[in-house]
């Protein structure tokens, strides 16, 4: 299995609503010599169905895992939710013979069988662990100092700890180290690990927007010039919904929200147009004026 070759799992949201994340990720991966293989036959990761139909969730996730096993390639995801479900199901099926037998009964109807031969990695795991900070720093042509940013890592790439197996789930360093590899400073702020609110926006948008409002308030309080995300749902909460939050709470934030590969791409000398900056809802002109 090639270390620099991964099956790219885009999930449902990124291709249709957050193309800038995919565009910028492909650009930086290409510059780092990482080959992403297309996965045209993938289906939903299963996340939206759990716990409504747990068996269906397991089967949908397992089908994706089987497609990767056929190609003998580890899966790389850009979405925290997709990573969380696929990694969780992969671990559970490997560890439980009874569950594996049950799911394989379903998969047999479509001529597939889960064998447990591949791993699931999020983009930041590939960057920090497989490629390494040293190589990333070698590709930096325009260090982003003195840019000051804050991170929002999201819920599913470091939690639950028993399924992830590295970093501190309450005070993770993986994204901060990747941010600092670009030359930018990553600031600490209050309630840094709080959820963005996206999982409940369809149930109670007032609570959801309140959570995001509080997060943006804390980010602004420490003087961050941008918020860095690695999850499409978190990105939508802080970027797409930022004008809505401002109206709801009579606030004015104007905090640009960048995908991490957009930040890294700038440091690599890739143009903003190639990184999808024009697709951001909150204008990042000030950052670009000072760092391009």
Protein backbone atom coordinates (compact mmCIF):
# COMPACT_ATOMS: atom_id res chain seq x y z
CA UNK A 1 0.00 0.00 0.00
CA UNK A 2 1.57 3.29 -1.12
CA UNK A 3 2.06 5.80 1.70
CA UNK A 4 1.52 8.83 -0.58
CA UNK A 5 -1.54 7.47 -2.38
CA UNK A 6 -5.05 7.59 -0.93
CA UNK A 7 -8.61 6.99 -2.02
CA UNK A 8 -10.28 10.40 -1.71
CA UNK A 9 -13.69 10.27 0.00
CA UNK A 10 -15.44 13.61 -0.58
CA UNK A 11 -18.78 12.81 1.02
CA UNK A 12 -22.05 14.57 0.21
CA UNK A 13 -21.64 18.19 1.33
CA UNK A 14 -18.27 19.23 -0.10
CA UNK A 15 -18.92 18.66 -3.83
CA UNK A 16 -22.25 20.48 -3.73
CA UNK A 17 -21.81 23.25 -1.16
CA UNK A 18 -18.15 23.71 -0.15
CA UNK A 19 -16.18 23.20 -3.37
CA UNK A 20 -13.49 25.62 -2.13
CA UNK A 21 -12.40 23.01 0.42
CA UNK A 22 -11.91 20.33 -2.23
CA UNK A 23 -10.21 22.75 -4.64
CA UNK A 24 -7.69 23.98 -2.08
CA UNK A 25 -7.04 20.49 -0.68
CA UNK A 26 -6.25 19.10 -4.13
CA UNK A 27 -3.85 21.99 -4.79
CA UNK A 28 -1.79 21.53 -1.64
CA UNK A 29 -1.79 17.73 -1.88
CA UNK A 30 -0.50 17.97 -5.43
CA UNK A 31 2.30 20.28 -4.31
CA UNK A 32 3.21 17.81 -1.56
CA UNK A 33 3.35 14.92 -4.02
CA UNK A 34 0.31 13.15 -2.55
CA UNK A 35 -1.79 11.26 -5.09
CA UNK A 36 -5.53 11.25 -4.45
CA UNK A 37 -7.39 8.52 -6.33
CA UNK A 38 -11.01 9.21 -7.27
CA UNK A 39 -13.79 7.17 -5.68
CA UNK A 40 -16.69 7.57 -8.15
CA UNK A 41 -18.85 4.76 -6.76
CA UNK A 42 -18.95 5.93 -3.14
CA UNK A 43 -22.21 6.43 -1.28
CA UNK A 44 -23.11 8.50 1.79
CA UNK A 45 -20.87 7.67 4.76
CA UNK A 46 -23.97 6.82 6.82
CA UNK A 47 -23.62 9.63 9.35
CA UNK A 48 -27.13 11.12 8.83
CA UNK A 49 -28.79 7.74 9.52
CA UNK A 50 -27.29 7.09 12.95
CA UNK A 51 -29.13 6.40 15.25
CA UNK A 52 -32.33 6.41 13.14
CA UNK A 53 -31.34 3.18 11.36
CA UNK A 54 -28.11 1.86 12.86
CA UNK A 55 -27.86 -1.22 10.62
CA UNK A 56 -28.29 0.88 7.49
CA UNK A 57 -25.58 3.26 8.71
CA UNK A 58 -23.21 0.35 9.31
CA UNK A 59 -23.93 -1.12 5.86
CA UNK A 60 -23.49 2.17 4.01
CA UNK A 61 -20.18 2.82 5.75
CA UNK A 62 -19.02 -0.77 5.23
CA UNK A 63 -19.76 -0.59 1.50
CA UNK A 64 -17.39 2.38 1.20
CA UNK A 65 -14.76 0.50 3.17
CA UNK A 66 -15.09 -2.50 0.85
CA UNK A 67 -14.58 -0.30 -2.22
CA UNK A 68 -11.31 0.93 -0.69
CA UNK A 69 -10.25 -2.61 0.18
CA UNK A 70 -10.75 -3.63 -3.45
CA UNK A 71 -8.21 -0.99 -4.47
CA UNK A 72 -5.92 -1.70 -1.51
CA UNK A 73 -5.87 1.98 -0.59
CA UNK A 74 -6.45 3.81 2.67
CA UNK A 75 -9.29 6.33 2.62
CA UNK A 76 -8.57 10.05 3.09
CA UNK A 77 -11.56 12.23 4.03
CA UNK A 78 -11.94 16.00 4.13
CA UNK A 79 -15.07 15.88 6.28
CA UNK A 80 -14.95 15.36 10.05
CA UNK A 81 -18.32 13.61 10.08
CA UNK A 82 -17.34 11.20 7.30
CA UNK A 83 -14.06 10.49 9.07
CA UNK A 84 -15.81 9.88 12.39
CA UNK A 85 -18.31 7.37 11.01
CA UNK A 86 -16.00 5.54 8.60
CA UNK A 87 -13.23 5.26 11.19
CA UNK A 88 -15.65 4.15 13.91
CA UNK A 89 -17.29 1.48 11.73
CA UNK A 90 -13.93 0.29 10.42
CA UNK A 91 -12.66 -0.17 13.99
CA UNK A 92 -15.87 -1.85 15.22
CA UNK A 93 -16.04 -4.31 12.32
CA UNK A 94 -12.39 -5.24 12.77
CA UNK A 95 -12.83 -5.83 16.51
CA UNK A 96 -16.24 -7.56 16.61
CA UNK A 97 -16.62 -10.88 14.80
CA UNK A 98 -20.37 -10.94 15.45
CA UNK A 99 -20.93 -7.47 14.01
CA UNK A 100 -18.66 -8.24 11.05
CA UNK A 101 -20.67 -11.39 10.29
CA UNK A 102 -23.94 -9.48 10.51
CA UNK A 103 -22.82 -6.67 8.18
CA UNK A 104 -21.22 -9.08 5.73
CA UNK A 105 -24.59 -10.83 5.44
CA UNK A 106 -26.01 -7.58 4.10
CA UNK A 107 -22.98 -6.91 1.91
CA UNK A 108 -23.14 -10.37 0.37
CA UNK A 109 -26.28 -9.29 -1.51
CA UNK A 110 -24.14 -6.83 -3.51
CA UNK A 111 -21.13 -9.17 -3.83
CA UNK A 112 -18.99 -7.39 -1.22
CA UNK A 113 -17.28 -8.56 1.95
CA UNK A 114 -15.61 -6.49 4.65
CA UNK A 115 -12.13 -7.83 5.44
CA UNK A 116 -10.57 -5.06 7.53
CA UNK A 117 -7.46 -4.34 5.48
CA UNK A 118 -7.45 -0.53 5.22
CA UNK A 119 -7.32 2.54 7.47
CA UNK A 120 -9.32 5.79 7.53
CA UNK A 121 -7.49 9.11 7.73
CA UNK A 122 -8.63 12.71 7.79
CA UNK A 123 -6.71 15.23 5.69
CA UNK A 124 -4.99 16.63 8.78
CA UNK A 125 -3.84 13.15 9.82
CA UNK A 126 -2.29 12.64 6.38
CA UNK A 127 -0.59 16.03 6.54
CA UNK A 128 0.72 15.86 10.10
CA UNK A 129 1.47 12.16 10.46
CA UNK A 130 2.15 10.71 7.01
CA UNK A 131 3.74 13.69 5.28
CA UNK A 132 5.09 15.38 8.38
CA UNK A 133 5.62 18.96 9.47
CA UNK A 134 9.20 19.05 8.23
CA UNK A 135 8.21 18.36 4.62
CA UNK A 136 5.31 20.79 4.82
CA UNK A 137 7.64 23.55 6.05
CA UNK A 138 9.95 22.85 3.09
CA UNK A 139 7.11 23.78 0.71
CA UNK A 140 6.41 27.13 2.40
CA UNK A 141 7.55 29.92 0.07
CA UNK A 142 5.75 32.84 1.73
CA UNK A 143 5.63 32.42 5.53
CA UNK A 144 2.44 33.94 6.89
CA UNK A 145 3.94 35.75 9.86
CA UNK A 146 2.75 37.95 11.52
CA UNK A 147 -0.75 36.61 10.67
CA UNK A 148 -2.69 35.72 13.84
CA UNK A 149 -5.44 33.12 13.52
CA UNK A 150 -7.58 30.84 15.68
CA UNK A 151 -8.38 27.19 15.04
CA UNK A 152 -11.62 25.27 15.16
CA UNK A 153 -10.80 21.58 14.82
CA UNK A 154 -14.35 20.28 15.24
CA UNK A 155 -15.66 17.30 17.16
CA UNK A 156 -14.93 14.14 15.19
CA UNK A 157 -11.23 14.14 14.26
CA UNK A 158 -10.02 13.85 17.86
CA UNK A 159 -13.06 12.43 19.68
CA UNK A 160 -13.95 9.89 20.96
CA UNK A 161 -10.39 9.14 22.01
CA UNK A 162 -10.86 5.35 22.10
CA UNK A 163 -11.52 5.29 18.35
CA UNK A 164 -9.01 7.98 17.31
CA UNK A 165 -6.06 6.96 19.43
CA UNK A 166 -3.85 10.05 19.33
CA UNK A 167 -3.67 13.68 20.48
CA UNK A 168 -5.49 15.15 23.48
CA UNK A 169 -9.24 15.26 22.73
CA UNK A 170 -9.70 18.22 25.09
CA UNK A 171 -6.62 20.19 23.99
CA UNK A 172 -5.48 18.88 20.60
CA UNK A 173 -2.28 20.13 19.01
CA UNK A 174 -2.43 18.58 15.53
CA UNK A 175 -4.17 21.46 13.74
CA UNK A 176 -2.28 24.10 15.70
CA UNK A 177 1.04 22.56 14.64
CA UNK A 178 -0.11 22.52 11.01
CA UNK A 179 -1.15 26.17 11.25
CA UNK A 180 2.16 27.17 12.77
CA UNK A 181 4.00 25.32 9.98
CA UNK A 182 2.72 28.06 7.64
CA UNK A 183 4.37 30.76 9.74
CA UNK A 184 1.06 32.02 11.16
CA UNK A 185 0.46 32.23 14.91
CA UNK A 186 -2.38 30.13 16.35
CA UNK A 187 -4.05 31.86 19.28
CA UNK A 188 -5.74 30.18 22.22
CA UNK A 189 -9.23 31.36 23.14
CA UNK A 190 -12.07 30.60 25.55
CA UNK A 191 -14.14 27.44 24.99
CA UNK A 192 -11.98 26.43 22.05
CA UNK A 193 -13.34 22.88 21.91
CA UNK A 194 -17.03 23.79 21.99
CA UNK A 195 -19.18 22.44 19.13
CA UNK A 196 -19.95 24.81 16.24
CA UNK A 197 -23.67 24.11 16.57
CA UNK A 198 -24.18 22.62 13.09
CA UNK A 199 -25.55 19.22 14.26
CA UNK A 200 -28.68 20.81 15.74
CA UNK A 201 -29.36 23.66 13.30
CA UNK A 202 -32.25 21.73 11.75
CA UNK A 203 -33.79 21.07 15.17
CA UNK A 204 -33.22 24.36 17.01
CA UNK A 205 -31.50 27.03 14.97
CA UNK A 206 -31.59 29.52 17.84
CA UNK A 207 -29.34 27.35 20.01
CA UNK A 208 -27.17 26.48 17.01
CA UNK A 209 -26.61 30.11 16.06
CA UNK A 210 -26.03 31.04 19.71
CA UNK A 211 -23.20 28.50 19.96
CA UNK A 212 -21.58 29.87 16.81
CA UNK A 213 -22.10 33.44 18.01
CA UNK A 214 -20.30 32.71 21.28
CA UNK A 215 -17.43 31.03 19.44
CA UNK A 216 -16.98 33.97 17.06
CA UNK A 217 -17.13 36.36 20.02
CA UNK A 218 -14.31 34.50 21.76
CA UNK A 219 -12.26 34.38 18.56
CA UNK A 220 -12.66 38.12 18.09
CA UNK A 221 -11.76 38.77 21.75
CA UNK A 222 -8.20 37.46 21.30
CA UNK A 223 -7.61 39.48 18.15
CA UNK A 224 -7.57 36.63 15.62
CA UNK A 225 -7.59 37.80 12.00
CA UNK A 226 -9.19 34.58 10.74
CA UNK A 227 -10.69 31.31 11.91
CA UNK A 228 -9.26 28.10 10.43
CA UNK A 229 -11.48 25.04 9.93
CA UNK A 230 -11.05 21.49 8.63
CA UNK A 231 -14.72 20.47 8.49
CA UNK A 232 -17.31 21.51 5.89
CA UNK A 233 -20.14 21.71 8.42
CA UNK A 234 -18.11 23.84 10.84
CA UNK A 235 -17.05 26.02 7.92
CA UNK A 236 -20.67 26.60 6.88
CA UNK A 237 -21.63 27.57 10.43
CA UNK A 238 -18.93 30.22 10.73
CA UNK A 239 -18.64 31.44 7.13
CA UNK A 240 -21.95 30.86 5.35
CA UNK A 241 -24.01 31.63 8.45
CA UNK A 242 -21.89 34.49 9.80
CA UNK A 243 -24.11 37.23 8.26
CA UNK A 244 -27.16 35.46 9.70
CA UNK A 245 -25.53 35.32 13.14
CA UNK A 246 -24.68 39.01 12.93
CA UNK A 247 -28.31 39.88 12.17
CA UNK A 248 -29.70 37.59 14.87
CA UNK A 249 -27.50 38.98 17.65
CA UNK A 250 -26.96 42.52 16.35
CA UNK A 251 -23.22 41.96 16.04
CA UNK A 252 -20.55 42.69 13.46
CA UNK A 253 -17.75 40.13 13.26
CA UNK A 254 -16.38 40.16 9.72
CA UNK A 255 -14.04 37.27 10.63
CA UNK A 256 -12.80 35.43 7.51
CA UNK A 257 -13.13 31.66 7.83
CA UNK A 258 -10.51 29.72 5.87
CA UNK A 259 -10.16 26.02 5.17
CA UNK A 260 -6.76 24.89 6.43
CA UNK A 261 -5.55 24.01 2.90
CA UNK A 262 -6.37 27.59 1.85
CA UNK A 263 -4.05 28.85 4.59
CA UNK A 264 -1.34 26.35 3.66
CA UNK A 265 -1.79 27.09 -0.03
CA UNK A 266 -1.15 30.80 0.54
CA UNK A 267 2.06 29.94 2.38
CA UNK A 268 3.06 27.69 -0.53
CA UNK A 269 2.69 30.63 -2.91
CA UNK A 270 -0.47 29.34 -4.60
CA UNK A 271 -2.74 32.17 -5.81
CA UNK A 272 -6.03 32.87 -3.99
CA UNK A 273 -7.98 32.22 -7.21
CA UNK A 274 -6.54 28.70 -7.39
CA UNK A 275 -7.53 28.11 -3.76
CA UNK A 276 -11.19 29.08 -4.11
CA UNK A 277 -11.05 32.26 -2.02
CA UNK A 278 -13.76 33.87 -4.16
CA UNK A 279 -16.23 31.29 -2.80
CA UNK A 280 -15.90 32.45 0.80
CA UNK A 281 -18.94 34.33 2.14
CA UNK A 282 -16.88 36.51 4.51
CA UNK A 283 -14.42 38.60 2.52
CA UNK A 284 -10.78 37.74 3.19
CA UNK A 285 -9.37 40.77 1.31
CA UNK A 286 -7.44 42.11 4.32
CA UNK A 287 -5.63 38.82 4.82
CA UNK A 288 -4.82 38.54 1.13
CA UNK A 289 -3.59 42.13 0.95
CA UNK A 290 -1.08 41.46 3.71
CA UNK A 291 0.00 37.94 2.74
CA UNK A 292 -0.01 37.61 -1.08
